[in-house]
């Protein structure tokens, strides 16, 4: 029972760090590719706190996409 609760909490926390709301198709392709590459590099690093890293990387991707000019 305890494992199920912990699993459910982790799934909810991971969903909060989702990139679903970030649409790189609406920004200039070169800038969007740079943001995507930076995000991929960010999440691929090993950390002891992967959920916190995921949140930080998602926030950085969102800021990067907002800084890009629109298509």
PDB file of N, CA and C in Angstrom:
ATOM      1  N   UNK A   1       0.826  -1.192   0.000  1.00  0.00           N
ATOM      2  CA  UNK A   1       0.000   0.000   0.000  1.00  0.00           C
ATOM      3  C   UNK A   1       0.874   1.260   0.000  1.00  0.00           C
ATOM      4  N   UNK A   2       1.913   1.228   0.817  1.00  0.00           N
ATOM      5  CA  UNK A   2       2.814   2.376   0.915  1.00  0.00           C
ATOM      6  C   UNK A   2       3.509   2.651  -0.421  1.00  0.00           C
ATOM      7  N   UNK A   3       3.929   1.585  -1.098  1.00  0.00           N
ATOM      8  CA  UNK A   3       4.594   1.734  -2.388  1.00  0.00           C
ATOM      9  C   UNK A   3       3.649   2.326  -3.424  1.00  0.00           C
ATOM     10  N   UNK A   4       2.381   1.952  -3.380  1.00  0.00           N
ATOM     11  CA  UNK A   4       1.404   2.489  -4.323  1.00  0.00           C
ATOM     12  C   UNK A   4       1.193   3.984  -4.110  1.00  0.00           C
ATOM     13  N   UNK A   5       1.151   4.401  -2.876  1.00  0.00           N
ATOM     14  CA  UNK A   5       0.975   5.819  -2.554  1.00  0.00           C
ATOM     15  C   UNK A   5       2.189   6.611  -3.016  1.00  0.00           C
ATOM     16  N   UNK A   6       3.369   6.108  -2.731  1.00  0.00           N
ATOM     17  CA  UNK A   6       4.601   6.789  -3.158  1.00  0.00           C
ATOM     18  C   UNK A   6       4.654   6.859  -4.684  1.00  0.00           C
ATOM     19  N   UNK A   7       4.290   5.783  -5.351  1.00  0.00           N
ATOM     20  CA  UNK A   7       4.270   5.766  -6.814  1.00  0.00           C
ATOM     21  C   UNK A   7       3.297   6.788  -7.382  1.00  0.00           C
ATOM     22  N   UNK A   8       2.123   6.884  -6.793  1.00  0.00           N
ATOM     23  CA  UNK A   8       1.129   7.847  -7.250  1.00  0.00           C
ATOM     24  C   UNK A   8       1.616   9.281  -7.059  1.00  0.00           C
ATOM     25  N   UNK A   9       2.263   9.547  -5.934  1.00  0.00           N
ATOM     26  CA  UNK A   9       2.789  10.881  -5.676  1.00  0.00           C
ATOM     27  C   UNK A   9       3.879  11.233  -6.684  1.00  0.00           C
ATOM     28  N   UNK A  10       4.749  10.283  -6.977  1.00  0.00           N
ATOM     29  CA  UNK A  10       5.817  10.532  -7.955  1.00  0.00           C
ATOM     30  C   UNK A  10       5.253  10.799  -9.347  1.00  0.00           C
ATOM     31  N   UNK A  11       4.202  10.090  -9.716  1.00  0.00           N
ATOM     32  CA  UNK A  11       3.583  10.317 -11.030  1.00  0.00           C
ATOM     33  C   UNK A  11       2.975  11.712 -11.110  1.00  0.00           C
ATOM     34  N   UNK A  12       2.338  12.149 -10.046  1.00  0.00           N
ATOM     35  CA  UNK A  12       1.748  13.489 -10.018  1.00  0.00           C
ATOM     36  C   UNK A  12       2.840  14.546 -10.112  1.00  0.00           C
ATOM     37  N   UNK A  13       3.914  14.378  -9.368  1.00  0.00           N
ATOM     38  CA  UNK A  13       5.020  15.334  -9.413  1.00  0.00           C
ATOM     39  C   UNK A  13       5.676  15.363 -10.788  1.00  0.00           C
ATOM     40  N   UNK A  14       5.823  14.228 -11.410  1.00  0.00           N
ATOM     41  CA  UNK A  14       6.430  14.177 -12.741  1.00  0.00           C
ATOM     42  C   UNK A  14       5.537  14.862 -13.763  1.00  0.00           C
ATOM     43  N   UNK A  15       4.230  14.713 -13.611  1.00  0.00           N
ATOM     44  CA  UNK A  15       3.300  15.353 -14.540  1.00  0.00           C
ATOM     45  C   UNK A  15       3.365  16.872 -14.422  1.00  0.00           C
ATOM     46  N   UNK A  16       3.654  17.375 -13.248  1.00  0.00           N
ATOM     47  CA  UNK A  16       3.761  18.826 -13.045  1.00  0.00           C
ATOM     48  C   UNK A  16       4.933  19.399 -13.831  1.00  0.00           C
ATOM     49  N   UNK A  17       5.913  18.607 -14.138  1.00  0.00           N
ATOM     50  CA  UNK A  17       7.093  19.061 -14.860  1.00  0.00           C
ATOM     51  C   UNK A  17       6.997  18.746 -16.355  1.00  0.00           C
ATOM     52  N   UNK A  18       5.798  18.512 -16.818  1.00  0.00           N
ATOM     53  CA  UNK A  18       5.584  18.141 -18.213  1.00  0.00           C
ATOM     54  C   UNK A  18       5.859  19.313 -19.147  1.00  0.00           C
ATOM     55  N   UNK A  19       6.263  18.998 -20.361  1.00  0.00           N
ATOM     56  CA  UNK A  19       6.513  20.022 -21.374  1.00  0.00           C
ATOM     57  C   UNK A  19       5.338  20.147 -22.337  1.00  0.00           C
ATOM     58  N   UNK A  20       4.190  19.581 -21.990  1.00  0.00           N
ATOM     59  CA  UNK A  20       3.027  19.604 -22.880  1.00  0.00           C
ATOM     60  C   UNK A  20       2.595  21.013 -23.267  1.00  0.00           C
ATOM     61  N   UNK A  21       2.699  21.961 -22.366  1.00  0.00           N
ATOM     62  CA  UNK A  21       2.246  23.318 -22.640  1.00  0.00           C
ATOM     63  C   UNK A  21       3.242  24.159 -23.424  1.00  0.00           C
ATOM     64  N   UNK A  22       4.380  23.602 -23.773  1.00  0.00           N
ATOM     65  CA  UNK A  22       5.426  24.348 -24.475  1.00  0.00           C
ATOM     66  C   UNK A  22       5.440  23.890 -25.929  1.00  0.00           C
ATOM     67  N   UNK A  23       5.017  24.780 -26.829  1.00  0.00           N
ATOM     68  CA  UNK A  23       4.921  24.435 -28.247  1.00  0.00           C
ATOM     69  C   UNK A  23       6.033  25.128 -29.020  1.00  0.00           C
ATOM     70  N   UNK A  24       7.096  24.378 -29.292  1.00  0.00           N
ATOM     71  CA  UNK A  24       8.234  24.949 -30.019  1.00  0.00           C
ATOM     72  C   UNK A  24       7.940  25.131 -31.504  1.00  0.00           C
ATOM     73  N   UNK A  25       6.840  24.594 -31.988  1.00  0.00           N
ATOM     74  CA  UNK A  25       6.467  24.770 -33.388  1.00  0.00           C
ATOM     75  C   UNK A  25       6.014  26.203 -33.672  1.00  0.00           C
ATOM     76  N   UNK A  26       5.716  26.958 -32.634  1.00  0.00           N
ATOM     77  CA  UNK A  26       5.243  28.332 -32.804  1.00  0.00           C
ATOM     78  C   UNK A  26       6.371  29.356 -32.782  1.00  0.00           C
ATOM     79  N   UNK A  27       7.610  28.894 -32.596  1.00  0.00           N
ATOM     80  CA  UNK A  27       8.751  29.814 -32.555  1.00  0.00           C
ATOM     81  C   UNK A  27       9.655  29.548 -33.754  1.00  0.00           C
ATOM     82  N   UNK A  28      10.573  30.467 -33.979  1.00  0.00           N
ATOM     83  CA  UNK A  28      11.523  30.305 -35.080  1.00  0.00           C
ATOM     84  C   UNK A  28      12.263  28.969 -34.938  1.00  0.00           C
ATOM     85  N   UNK A  29      12.403  28.215 -36.027  1.00  0.00           N
ATOM     86  CA  UNK A  29      12.991  26.878 -35.952  1.00  0.00           C
ATOM     87  C   UNK A  29      14.382  26.820 -35.318  1.00  0.00           C
ATOM     88  N   UNK A  30      15.260  27.726 -35.683  1.00  0.00           N
ATOM     89  CA  UNK A  30      16.629  27.705 -35.143  1.00  0.00           C
ATOM     90  C   UNK A  30      16.620  27.906 -33.625  1.00  0.00           C
ATOM     91  N   UNK A  31      15.818  28.833 -33.168  1.00  0.00           N
ATOM     92  CA  UNK A  31      15.733  29.118 -31.740  1.00  0.00           C
ATOM     93  C   UNK A  31      15.091  27.932 -31.009  1.00  0.00           C
ATOM     94  N   UNK A  32      14.039  27.365 -31.594  1.00  0.00           N
ATOM     95  CA  UNK A  32      13.378  26.211 -30.997  1.00  0.00           C
ATOM     96  C   UNK A  32      14.307  25.011 -30.893  1.00  0.00           C
ATOM     97  N   UNK A  33      15.147  24.821 -31.908  1.00  0.00           N
ATOM     98  CA  UNK A  33      16.100  23.716 -31.876  1.00  0.00           C
ATOM     99  C   UNK A  33      17.138  23.915 -30.773  1.00  0.00           C
ATOM    100  N   UNK A  34      17.571  25.149 -30.589  1.00  0.00           N
ATOM    101  CA  UNK A  34      18.522  25.449 -29.517  1.00  0.00           C
ATOM    102  C   UNK A  34      17.896  25.174 -28.155  1.00  0.00           C
ATOM    103  N   UNK A  35      16.645  25.601 -27.971  1.00  0.00           N
ATOM    104  CA  UNK A  35      15.943  25.351 -26.707  1.00  0.00           C
ATOM    105  C   UNK A  35      15.800  23.857 -26.460  1.00  0.00           C
ATOM    106  N   UNK A  36      15.436  23.127 -27.493  1.00  0.00           N
ATOM    107  CA  UNK A  36      15.249  21.686 -27.371  1.00  0.00           C
ATOM    108  C   UNK A  36      16.561  20.981 -27.032  1.00  0.00           C
ATOM    109  N   UNK A  37      17.639  21.383 -27.672  1.00  0.00           N
ATOM    110  CA  UNK A  37      18.948  20.784 -27.398  1.00  0.00           C
ATOM    111  C   UNK A  37      19.388  21.073 -25.964  1.00  0.00           C
ATOM    112  N   UNK A  38      19.162  22.308 -25.518  1.00  0.00           N
ATOM    113  CA  UNK A  38      19.520  22.661 -24.139  1.00  0.00           C
ATOM    114  C   UNK A  38      18.695  21.843 -23.143  1.00  0.00           C
ATOM    115  N   UNK A  39      17.418  21.648 -23.434  1.00  0.00           N
ATOM    116  CA  UNK A  39      16.550  20.864 -22.566  1.00  0.00           C
ATOM    117  C   UNK A  39      17.028  19.408 -22.502  1.00  0.00           C
ATOM    118  N   UNK A  40      17.347  18.842 -23.650  1.00  0.00           N
ATOM    119  CA  UNK A  40      17.810  17.457 -23.696  1.00  0.00           C
ATOM    120  C   UNK A  40      19.094  17.278 -22.898  1.00  0.00           C
ATOM    121  N   UNK A  41      19.996  18.227 -23.026  1.00  0.00           N
ATOM    122  CA  UNK A  41      21.250  18.171 -22.269  1.00  0.00           C
ATOM    123  C   UNK A  41      20.974  18.306 -20.770  1.00  0.00           C
ATOM    124  N   UNK A  42      20.044  19.171 -20.425  1.00  0.00           N
ATOM    125  CA  UNK A  42      19.717  19.423 -19.021  1.00  0.00           C
ATOM    126  C   UNK A  42      19.156  18.166 -18.349  1.00  0.00           C
ATOM    127  N   UNK A  43      18.206  17.502 -18.990  1.00  0.00           N
ATOM    128  CA  UNK A  43      17.571  16.339 -18.358  1.00  0.00           C
ATOM    129  C   UNK A  43      18.434  15.088 -18.417  1.00  0.00           C
ATOM    130  N   UNK A  44      19.464  15.090 -19.248  1.00  0.00           N
ATOM    131  CA  UNK A  44      20.299  13.896 -19.362  1.00  0.00           C
ATOM    132  C   UNK A  44      21.380  13.816 -18.280  1.00  0.00           C
ATOM    133  N   UNK A  45      21.562  14.876 -17.519  1.00  0.00           N
ATOM    134  CA  UNK A  45      22.568  14.883 -16.462  1.00  0.00           C
ATOM    135  C   UNK A  45      22.092  14.055 -15.271  1.00  0.00           C
ATOM    136  N   UNK A  46      23.007  13.313 -14.673  1.00  0.00           N
ATOM    137  CA  UNK A  46      22.675  12.526 -13.491  1.00  0.00           C
ATOM    138  C   UNK A  46      22.609  13.439 -12.269  1.00  0.00           C
ATOM    139  N   UNK A  47      21.538  13.284 -11.501  1.00  0.00           N
ATOM    140  CA  UNK A  47      21.417  14.014 -10.239  1.00  0.00           C
ATOM    141  C   UNK A  47      20.795  13.096  -9.198  1.00  0.00           C
ATOM    142  N   UNK A  48      20.934  13.475  -7.963  1.00  0.00           N
ATOM    143  CA  UNK A  48      20.309  12.722  -6.879  1.00  0.00           C
ATOM    144  C   UNK A  48      18.851  13.127  -6.691  1.00  0.00           C
ATOM    145  N   UNK A  49      18.436  14.210  -7.344  1.00  0.00           N
ATOM    146  CA  UNK A  49      17.068  14.709  -7.239  1.00  0.00           C
ATOM    147  C   UNK A  49      16.491  14.888  -8.650  1.00  0.00           C
ATOM    148  N   UNK A  50      16.141  13.791  -9.324  1.00  0.00           N
ATOM    149  CA  UNK A  50      15.704  13.885 -10.722  1.00  0.00           C
ATOM    150  C   UNK A  50      14.418  14.692 -10.923  1.00  0.00           C
ATOM    151  N   UNK A  51      13.482  14.644  -9.994  1.00  0.00           N
ATOM    152  CA  UNK A  51      12.254  15.417 -10.165  1.00  0.00           C
ATOM    153  C   UNK A  51      12.525  16.912 -10.081  1.00  0.00           C
ATOM    154  N   UNK A  52      13.385  17.316  -9.174  1.00  0.00           N
ATOM    155  CA  UNK A  52      13.742  18.731  -9.069  1.00  0.00           C
ATOM    156  C   UNK A  52      14.463  19.186 -10.340  1.00  0.00           C
ATOM    157  N   UNK A  53      15.338  18.350 -10.843  1.00  0.00           N
ATOM    158  CA  UNK A  53      16.042  18.661 -12.086  1.00  0.00           C
ATOM    159  C   UNK A  53      15.057  18.780 -13.235  1.00  0.00           C
ATOM    160  N   UNK A  54      14.088  17.879 -13.303  1.00  0.00           N
ATOM    161  CA  UNK A  54      13.070  17.922 -14.354  1.00  0.00           C
ATOM    162  C   UNK A  54      12.299  19.240 -14.296  1.00  0.00           C
ATOM    163  N   UNK A  55      11.926  19.673 -13.101  1.00  0.00           N
ATOM    164  CA  UNK A  55      11.220  20.947 -12.951  1.00  0.00           C
ATOM    165  C   UNK A  55      12.085  22.110 -13.423  1.00  0.00           C
ATOM    166  N   UNK A  56      13.343  22.113 -13.030  1.00  0.00           N
ATOM    167  CA  UNK A  56      14.240  23.195 -13.420  1.00  0.00           C
ATOM    168  C   UNK A  56      14.461  23.218 -14.930  1.00  0.00           C
ATOM    169  N   UNK A  57      14.625  22.053 -15.520  1.00  0.00           N
ATOM    170  CA  UNK A  57      14.837  21.976 -16.971  1.00  0.00           C
ATOM    171  C   UNK A  57      13.595  22.421 -17.732  1.00  0.00           C
ATOM    172  N   UNK A  58      12.420  22.036 -17.238  1.00  0.00           N
ATOM    173  CA  UNK A  58      11.168  22.435 -17.878  1.00  0.00           C
ATOM    174  C   UNK A  58      10.974  23.942 -17.777  1.00  0.00           C
ATOM    175  N   UNK A  59      11.278  24.516 -16.620  1.00  0.00           N
ATOM    176  CA  UNK A  59      11.184  25.967 -16.465  1.00  0.00           C
ATOM    177  C   UNK A  59      12.137  26.682 -17.413  1.00  0.00           C
ATOM    178  N   UNK A  60      13.349  26.152 -17.553  1.00  0.00           N
ATOM    179  CA  UNK A  60      14.333  26.752 -18.458  1.00  0.00           C
ATOM    180  C   UNK A  60      13.864  26.653 -19.912  1.00  0.00           C
ATOM    181  N   UNK A  61      13.250  25.529 -20.281  1.00  0.00           N
ATOM    182  CA  UNK A  61      12.731  25.368 -21.638  1.00  0.00           C
ATOM    183  C   UNK A  61      11.617  26.370 -21.895  1.00  0.00           C
ATOM    184  N   UNK A  62      10.737  26.547 -20.928  1.00  0.00           N
ATOM    185  CA  UNK A  62       9.631  27.488 -21.080  1.00  0.00           C
ATOM    186  C   UNK A  62      10.154  28.912 -21.273  1.00  0.00           C
ATOM    187  N   UNK A  63      11.138  29.308 -20.462  1.00  0.00           N
ATOM    188  CA  UNK A  63      11.727  30.649 -20.607  1.00  0.00           C
ATOM    189  C   UNK A  63      12.428  30.823 -21.940  1.00  0.00           C
ATOM    190  N   UNK A  64      13.131  29.787 -22.358  1.00  0.00           N
ATOM    191  CA  UNK A  64      13.825  29.836 -23.649  1.00  0.00           C
ATOM    192  C   UNK A  64      12.818  30.004 -24.784  1.00  0.00           C
ATOM    193  N   UNK A  65      11.749  29.246 -24.753  1.00  0.00           N
ATOM    194  CA  UNK A  65      10.726  29.318 -25.809  1.00  0.00           C
ATOM    195  C   UNK A  65      10.045  30.677 -25.815  1.00  0.00           C
ATOM    196  N   UNK A  66       9.827  31.252 -24.649  1.00  0.00           N
ATOM    197  CA  UNK A  66       9.210  32.585 -24.574  1.00  0.00           C
ATOM    198  C   UNK A  66      10.130  33.657 -25.113  1.00  0.00           C
ATOM    199  N   UNK A  67      11.432  33.442 -25.032  1.00  0.00           N
ATOM    200  CA  UNK A  67      12.396  34.423 -25.524  1.00  0.00           C
ATOM    201  C   UNK A  67      12.579  34.335 -27.035  1.00  0.00           C
ATOM    202  N   UNK A  68      12.135  33.246 -27.631  1.00  0.00           N
ATOM    203  CA  UNK A  68      12.279  33.085 -29.078  1.00  0.00           C
ATOM    204  C   UNK A  68      11.259  33.929 -29.839  1.00  0.00           C
ATOM    205  N   UNK A  69      11.653  34.438 -31.012  1.00  0.00           N
ATOM    206  CA  UNK A  69      10.669  35.154 -31.836  1.00  0.00           C
ATOM    207  C   UNK A  69       9.652  34.177 -32.414  1.00  0.00           C
ATOM    208  N   UNK A  70       8.438  34.651 -32.589  1.00  0.00           N
ATOM    209  CA  UNK A  70       7.374  33.818 -33.148  1.00  0.00           C
ATOM    210  C   UNK A  70       7.609  33.609 -34.641  1.00  0.00           C
ATOM    211  N   UNK A  71       7.038  32.550 -35.173  1.00  0.00           N
ATOM    212  CA  UNK A  71       7.147  32.274 -36.615  1.00  0.00           C
ATOM    213  C   UNK A  71       6.420  33.302 -37.411  1.00  0.00           C
TER     214      UNK A  71
END
